[in-house]
Amino acid sequence: MEQALSDAGFATLNLDYDSRRKPLDALAEDIHPSLDPFAKSLDGSVHFVCHSMGGLLARVYLARHRPSRIGRVVMLGTPNGGSEIADRLKNLAAYRAYFGPAGQQLVTRRDAATSALLPTIDYEAGIIAGNRSVYPITSMALPRPHDGRVSVANTRLDGMADHIVIRTSHPWLVRNREVIEQTIAFLRDGRFAKA
């Protein structure tokens, strides 16, 4: 995805974050020192392309540190409505240890504090959901269709500009050729290219 965006003429900043050790609000503060100067160095709009929890992190970040020239946001398999898998596993010690505080925030019934971190969006957001799974065990816990981690229904977000479903699984959303092409289309035009 990063290479394709660069080849399409977009300046890119690919940020890693410690998703297994901190909650979403702390992660937003962690990425700010890198993202803020990058955004200020650009002549044009600042777009966000986010996979999975990264979409939630972008929503928290934009609520706290919105760039002055916000562009468009593309979310790939983001559990905007939470994850049924997190609902089932949230009380297991192994899940809590592996996914940490942010993993606890992925549930479908969010507490008031987490809900406050994710206000209604007021920017153009396009959402791409997958509908194939490479996870036979987690697939049993999700309503169909899903990508093995997030149900298509829970990728949706009030106020989104566009939503499409592509035949791919959660981990492949960032590598799938059609997803990449649709991401670039949305960043350029504010809508996905319909077949």
C-alpha atoms as a PDB file:
ATOM      1  CA  MET A   1       0.000   0.000   0.000  1.00  0.00           C
ATOM      2  CA  GLU A   2       2.701   2.487   0.981  1.00  0.00           C
ATOM      3  CA  GLN A   3       4.665   1.893  -2.224  1.00  0.00           C
ATOM      4  CA  ALA A   4       1.541   2.153  -4.387  1.00  0.00           C
ATOM      5  CA  LEU A   5       0.541   5.432  -2.746  1.00  0.00           C
ATOM      6  CA  SER A   6       4.035   6.798  -3.242  1.00  0.00           C
ATOM      7  CA  ASP A   7       4.008   5.691  -6.895  1.00  0.00           C
ATOM      8  CA  ALA A   8       0.652   7.483  -7.298  1.00  0.00           C
ATOM      9  CA  GLY A   9       2.263  10.755  -6.175  1.00  0.00           C
ATOM     10  CA  PHE A  10       1.330  10.845  -2.495  1.00  0.00           C
ATOM     11  CA  ALA A  11       3.923  11.672   0.167  1.00  0.00           C
ATOM     12  CA  THR A  12       3.755   8.896   2.754  1.00  0.00           C
ATOM     13  CA  LEU A  13       4.469   8.451   6.430  1.00  0.00           C
ATOM     14  CA  ASN A  14       3.979   4.904   7.690  1.00  0.00           C
ATOM     15  CA  LEU A  15       3.708   4.986  11.467  1.00  0.00           C
ATOM     16  CA  ASP A  16       4.034   2.073  13.826  1.00  0.00           C
ATOM     17  CA  TYR A  17       2.539   2.294  17.305  1.00  0.00           C
ATOM     18  CA  ASP A  18       2.566   0.199  20.464  1.00  0.00           C
ATOM     19  CA  SER A  19      -1.005  -1.075  20.157  1.00  0.00           C
ATOM     20  CA  ARG A  20      -0.530  -3.841  22.710  1.00  0.00           C
ATOM     21  CA  ARG A  21       0.613  -1.666  25.595  1.00  0.00           C
ATOM     22  CA  LYS A  22      -1.493   1.513  25.585  1.00  0.00           C
ATOM     23  CA  PRO A  23      -5.091   2.687  25.120  1.00  0.00           C
ATOM     24  CA  LEU A  24      -6.160   4.628  22.032  1.00  0.00           C
ATOM     25  CA  ASP A  25      -5.870   8.086  23.630  1.00  0.00           C
ATOM     26  CA  ALA A  26      -2.245   7.467  24.688  1.00  0.00           C
ATOM     27  CA  LEU A  27      -1.440   6.071  21.242  1.00  0.00           C
ATOM     28  CA  ALA A  28      -2.798   9.256  19.632  1.00  0.00           C
ATOM     29  CA  GLU A  29      -0.364  11.268  21.736  1.00  0.00           C
ATOM     30  CA  ASP A  30       2.475   8.887  20.811  1.00  0.00           C
ATOM     31  CA  ILE A  31       2.039   9.408  17.060  1.00  0.00           C
ATOM     32  CA  HIS A  32       1.543  13.181  17.261  1.00  0.00           C
ATOM     33  CA  PRO A  33       5.270  14.132  17.416  1.00  0.00           C
ATOM     34  CA  SER A  34       5.853  12.338  14.097  1.00  0.00           C
ATOM     35  CA  LEU A  35       2.594  13.140  12.349  1.00  0.00           C
ATOM     36  CA  ASP A  36       2.354  16.857  13.167  1.00  0.00           C
ATOM     37  CA  PRO A  37       5.620  17.978  11.500  1.00  0.00           C
ATOM     38  CA  PHE A  38       4.941  15.691   8.527  1.00  0.00           C
ATOM     39  CA  ALA A  39       1.493  17.253   8.043  1.00  0.00           C
ATOM     40  CA  LYS A  40       2.905  20.767   8.344  1.00  0.00           C
ATOM     41  CA  SER A  41       5.587  19.996   5.746  1.00  0.00           C
ATOM     42  CA  LEU A  42       3.037  19.199   3.029  1.00  0.00           C
ATOM     43  CA  ASP A  43       1.718  21.690   0.505  1.00  0.00           C
ATOM     44  CA  GLY A  44      -1.585  19.895   0.030  1.00  0.00           C
ATOM     45  CA  SER A  45      -4.154  17.999   2.035  1.00  0.00           C
ATOM     46  CA  VAL A  46      -3.283  15.455   4.703  1.00  0.00           C
ATOM     47  CA  HIS A  47      -4.961  12.103   4.022  1.00  0.00           C
ATOM     48  CA  PHE A  48      -5.065   9.060   6.291  1.00  0.00           C
ATOM     49  CA  VAL A  49      -5.076   5.424   5.170  1.00  0.00           C
ATOM     50  CA  CYS A  50      -5.587   3.092   8.100  1.00  0.00           C
ATOM     51  CA  HIS A  51      -5.847  -0.646   8.641  1.00  0.00           C
ATOM     52  CA  SER A  52      -7.927  -2.240  11.389  1.00  0.00           C
ATOM     53  CA  MET A  53      -7.385  -0.556  14.775  1.00  0.00           C
ATOM     54  CA  GLY A  54      -5.435   2.142  12.935  1.00  0.00           C
ATOM     55  CA  GLY A  55      -8.747   3.566  11.738  1.00  0.00           C
ATOM     56  CA  LEU A  56      -9.933   3.976  15.321  1.00  0.00           C
ATOM     57  CA  LEU A  57      -6.604   5.542  16.218  1.00  0.00           C
ATOM     58  CA  ALA A  58      -6.987   7.982  13.318  1.00  0.00           C
ATOM     59  CA  ARG A  59     -10.457   8.932  14.558  1.00  0.00           C
ATOM     60  CA  VAL A  60      -9.083   9.630  18.051  1.00  0.00           C
ATOM     61  CA  TYR A  61      -6.120  11.527  16.609  1.00  0.00           C
ATOM     62  CA  LEU A  62      -8.283  13.680  14.331  1.00  0.00           C
ATOM     63  CA  ALA A  63     -10.585  14.558  17.238  1.00  0.00           C
ATOM     64  CA  ARG A  64      -7.554  15.789  19.225  1.00  0.00           C
ATOM     65  CA  HIS A  65      -4.995  17.009  16.685  1.00  0.00           C
ATOM     66  CA  ARG A  66      -6.808  17.677  13.437  1.00  0.00           C
ATOM     67  CA  PRO A  67      -4.438  18.988  10.733  1.00  0.00           C
ATOM     68  CA  SER A  68      -5.507  22.339   9.298  1.00  0.00           C
ATOM     69  CA  ARG A  69      -5.682  20.859   5.781  1.00  0.00           C
ATOM     70  CA  ILE A  70      -7.435  17.568   6.508  1.00  0.00           C
ATOM     71  CA  GLY A  71      -8.078  15.562   3.379  1.00  0.00           C
ATOM     72  CA  ARG A  72      -9.762  12.186   3.167  1.00  0.00           C
ATOM     73  CA  VAL A  73      -9.604   9.098   5.362  1.00  0.00           C
ATOM     74  CA  VAL A  74      -9.690   5.515   4.085  1.00  0.00           C
ATOM     75  CA  MET A  75     -10.302   2.801   6.661  1.00  0.00           C
ATOM     76  CA  LEU A  76      -9.510  -0.819   5.817  1.00  0.00           C
ATOM     77  CA  GLY A  77     -11.311  -3.370   7.985  1.00  0.00           C
ATOM     78  CA  THR A  78     -11.667  -0.933  10.869  1.00  0.00           C
ATOM     79  CA  PRO A  79     -14.018  -2.137  13.643  1.00  0.00           C
ATOM     80  CA  ASN A  80     -15.928   1.141  13.827  1.00  0.00           C
ATOM     81  CA  GLY A  81     -18.818  -0.672  15.493  1.00  0.00           C
ATOM     82  CA  GLY A  82     -16.492  -2.834  17.566  1.00  0.00           C
ATOM     83  CA  SER A  83     -15.531  -6.471  17.192  1.00  0.00           C
ATOM     84  CA  GLU A  84     -17.607  -9.437  18.267  1.00  0.00           C
ATOM     85  CA  ILE A  85     -14.348 -11.321  18.785  1.00  0.00           C
ATOM     86  CA  ALA A  86     -13.270  -8.751  21.380  1.00  0.00           C
ATOM     87  CA  ASP A  87     -16.666  -9.195  23.052  1.00  0.00           C
ATOM     88  CA  ARG A  88     -16.076 -12.927  23.451  1.00  0.00           C
ATOM     89  CA  LEU A  89     -12.413 -12.781  24.451  1.00  0.00           C
ATOM     90  CA  LYS A  90     -12.114  -9.556  26.477  1.00  0.00           C
ATOM     91  CA  ASN A  91     -12.155 -11.338  29.844  1.00  0.00           C
ATOM     92  CA  LEU A  92      -9.506 -13.912  28.959  1.00  0.00           C
ATOM     93  CA  ALA A  93      -6.086 -13.196  30.450  1.00  0.00           C
ATOM     94  CA  ALA A  94      -4.307 -14.260  27.256  1.00  0.00           C
ATOM     95  CA  TYR A  95      -6.386 -11.812  25.162  1.00  0.00           C
ATOM     96  CA  ARG A  96      -5.802  -8.968  27.623  1.00  0.00           C
ATOM     97  CA  ALA A  97      -2.069  -9.689  27.741  1.00  0.00           C
ATOM     98  CA  TYR A  98      -1.710  -9.897  23.956  1.00  0.00           C
ATOM     99  CA  PHE A  99      -4.017  -7.060  22.845  1.00  0.00           C
ATOM    100  CA  GLY A 100      -3.570  -4.784  25.848  1.00  0.00           C
ATOM    101  CA  PRO A 101      -5.684  -1.756  26.796  1.00  0.00           C
ATOM    102  CA  ALA A 102      -6.548  -0.798  23.202  1.00  0.00           C
ATOM    103  CA  GLY A 103      -7.810  -4.349  22.628  1.00  0.00           C
ATOM    104  CA  GLN A 104     -10.291  -3.814  25.449  1.00  0.00           C
ATOM    105  CA  GLN A 105     -11.583  -0.758  23.567  1.00  0.00           C
ATOM    106  CA  LEU A 106     -12.518  -2.876  20.520  1.00  0.00           C
ATOM    107  CA  VAL A 107     -15.713  -4.260  22.050  1.00  0.00           C
ATOM    108  CA  THR A 108     -19.098  -3.577  20.451  1.00  0.00           C
ATOM    109  CA  ARG A 109     -20.558  -2.050  23.636  1.00  0.00           C
ATOM    110  CA  ARG A 110     -18.216   0.780  24.441  1.00  0.00           C
ATOM    111  CA  ASP A 111     -18.074   2.568  27.738  1.00  0.00           C
ATOM    112  CA  ALA A 112     -18.668   6.323  27.915  1.00  0.00           C
ATOM    113  CA  ALA A 113     -14.949   7.134  27.974  1.00  0.00           C
ATOM    114  CA  THR A 114     -14.190   5.150  24.816  1.00  0.00           C
ATOM    115  CA  SER A 115     -17.285   6.512  23.064  1.00  0.00           C
ATOM    116  CA  ALA A 116     -16.118  10.049  23.867  1.00  0.00           C
ATOM    117  CA  LEU A 117     -12.782   9.319  22.165  1.00  0.00           C
ATOM    118  CA  LEU A 118     -14.625   8.467  18.932  1.00  0.00           C
ATOM    119  CA  PRO A 119     -16.932  11.407  18.156  1.00  0.00           C
ATOM    120  CA  THR A 120     -19.049  11.724  15.021  1.00  0.00           C
ATOM    121  CA  ILE A 121     -16.834  12.287  11.999  1.00  0.00           C
ATOM    122  CA  ASP A 122     -16.951  15.530  10.008  1.00  0.00           C
ATOM    123  CA  TYR A 123     -14.473  14.640   7.268  1.00  0.00           C
ATOM    124  CA  GLU A 124     -14.702  12.468   4.175  1.00  0.00           C
ATOM    125  CA  ALA A 125     -14.244   8.820   5.123  1.00  0.00           C
ATOM    126  CA  GLY A 126     -14.301   5.857   2.786  1.00  0.00           C
ATOM    127  CA  ILE A 127     -14.456   2.393   4.270  1.00  0.00           C
ATOM    128  CA  ILE A 128     -13.312  -0.847   2.659  1.00  0.00           C
ATOM    129  CA  ALA A 129     -14.437  -4.119   4.220  1.00  0.00           C
ATOM    130  CA  GLY A 130     -13.290  -7.615   3.357  1.00  0.00           C
ATOM    131  CA  ASN A 131     -15.583 -10.618   3.127  1.00  0.00           C
ATOM    132  CA  ARG A 132     -13.213 -13.594   3.165  1.00  0.00           C
ATOM    133  CA  SER A 133     -11.513 -15.229   6.139  1.00  0.00           C
ATOM    134  CA  VAL A 134      -8.280 -17.123   6.673  1.00  0.00           C
ATOM    135  CA  TYR A 135      -9.194 -17.695  10.330  1.00  0.00           C
ATOM    136  CA  PRO A 136     -11.418 -20.775  10.743  1.00  0.00           C
ATOM    137  CA  ILE A 137     -11.779 -20.471  14.523  1.00  0.00           C
ATOM    138  CA  THR A 138     -12.617 -16.769  14.771  1.00  0.00           C
ATOM    139  CA  SER A 139     -14.920 -17.092  11.768  1.00  0.00           C
ATOM    140  CA  MET A 140     -17.341 -19.033  13.945  1.00  0.00           C
ATOM    141  CA  ALA A 141     -17.762 -16.037  16.258  1.00  0.00           C
ATOM    142  CA  LEU A 142     -18.575 -13.465  13.582  1.00  0.00           C
ATOM    143  CA  PRO A 143     -21.824 -12.746  11.757  1.00  0.00           C
ATOM    144  CA  ARG A 144     -21.476 -13.134   7.994  1.00  0.00           C
ATOM    145  CA  PRO A 145     -20.133 -11.547   5.927  1.00  0.00           C
ATOM    146  CA  HIS A 146     -16.795 -10.813   7.606  1.00  0.00           C
ATOM    147  CA  ASP A 147     -13.051 -10.728   6.946  1.00  0.00           C
ATOM    148  CA  GLY A 148     -12.111 -13.121   9.765  1.00  0.00           C
ATOM    149  CA  ARG A 149     -11.650 -10.322  12.303  1.00  0.00           C
ATOM    150  CA  VAL A 150     -14.413  -7.765  11.703  1.00  0.00           C
ATOM    151  CA  SER A 151     -17.945  -8.162  10.394  1.00  0.00           C
ATOM    152  CA  VAL A 152     -18.788  -6.063   7.347  1.00  0.00           C
ATOM    153  CA  ALA A 153     -21.656  -4.489   9.321  1.00  0.00           C
ATOM    154  CA  ASN A 154     -19.279  -3.283  12.041  1.00  0.00           C
ATOM    155  CA  THR A 155     -16.952  -1.566   9.572  1.00  0.00           C
ATOM    156  CA  ARG A 156     -19.704   0.927   8.748  1.00  0.00           C
ATOM    157  CA  LEU A 157     -19.677   4.386  10.291  1.00  0.00           C
ATOM    158  CA  ASP A 158     -22.329   7.097  10.512  1.00  0.00           C
ATOM    159  CA  GLY A 159     -21.352   9.966   8.238  1.00  0.00           C
ATOM    160  CA  MET A 160     -19.089   7.896   5.966  1.00  0.00           C
ATOM    161  CA  ALA A 161     -18.858   9.117   2.384  1.00  0.00           C
ATOM    162  CA  ASP A 162     -18.611   5.660   0.799  1.00  0.00           C
ATOM    163  CA  HIS A 163     -18.356   1.963   1.682  1.00  0.00           C
ATOM    164  CA  ILE A 164     -17.385  -1.066  -0.393  1.00  0.00           C
ATOM    165  CA  VAL A 165     -16.802  -4.750   0.221  1.00  0.00           C
ATOM    166  CA  ILE A 166     -13.902  -6.513  -1.490  1.00  0.00           C
ATOM    167  CA  ARG A 167     -13.247 -10.239  -1.682  1.00  0.00           C
ATOM    168  CA  THR A 168     -10.249 -10.461   0.648  1.00  0.00           C
ATOM    169  CA  SER A 169      -9.355 -11.241   4.260  1.00  0.00           C
ATOM    170  CA  HIS A 170      -8.390  -8.914   7.103  1.00  0.00           C
ATOM    171  CA  PRO A 171      -4.583  -9.237   6.911  1.00  0.00           C
ATOM    172  CA  TRP A 172      -4.565  -8.897   3.104  1.00  0.00           C
ATOM    173  CA  LEU A 173      -6.530  -5.655   2.952  1.00  0.00           C
ATOM    174  CA  VAL A 174      -3.273  -3.660   2.759  1.00  0.00           C
ATOM    175  CA  ARG A 175      -1.832  -5.875  -0.005  1.00  0.00           C
ATOM    176  CA  ASN A 176      -4.849  -6.557  -2.201  1.00  0.00           C
ATOM    177  CA  ARG A 177      -4.548  -4.921  -5.649  1.00  0.00           C
ATOM    178  CA  GLU A 178      -8.230  -3.919  -5.797  1.00  0.00           C
ATOM    179  CA  VAL A 179      -8.139  -2.451  -2.287  1.00  0.00           C
ATOM    180  CA  ILE A 180      -5.078  -0.393  -3.240  1.00  0.00           C
ATOM    181  CA  GLU A 181      -6.735   0.860  -6.447  1.00  0.00           C
ATOM    182  CA  GLN A 182      -9.930   1.745  -4.582  1.00  0.00           C
ATOM    183  CA  THR A 183      -7.962   3.538  -1.866  1.00  0.00           C
ATOM    184  CA  ILE A 184      -6.236   5.719  -4.458  1.00  0.00           C
ATOM    185  CA  ALA A 185      -9.577   6.380  -6.191  1.00  0.00           C
ATOM    186  CA  PHE A 186     -11.136   7.561  -2.936  1.00  0.00           C
ATOM    187  CA  LEU A 187      -8.179   9.775  -2.041  1.00  0.00           C
ATOM    188  CA  ARG A 188      -8.399  11.420  -5.476  1.00  0.00           C
ATOM    189  CA  ASP A 189     -12.172  11.604  -6.004  1.00  0.00           C
ATOM    190  CA  GLY A 190     -13.873  11.208  -2.616  1.00  0.00           C
ATOM    191  CA  ARG A 191     -15.640   8.029  -3.746  1.00  0.00           C
ATOM    192  CA  PHE A 192     -14.758   4.494  -4.697  1.00  0.00           C
ATOM    193  CA  ALA A 193     -14.695   3.426  -8.324  1.00  0.00           C
ATOM    194  CA  LYS A 194     -17.774   1.280  -8.908  1.00  0.00           C
ATOM    195  CA  ALA A 195     -17.503  -1.784 -11.138  1.00  0.00           C
END
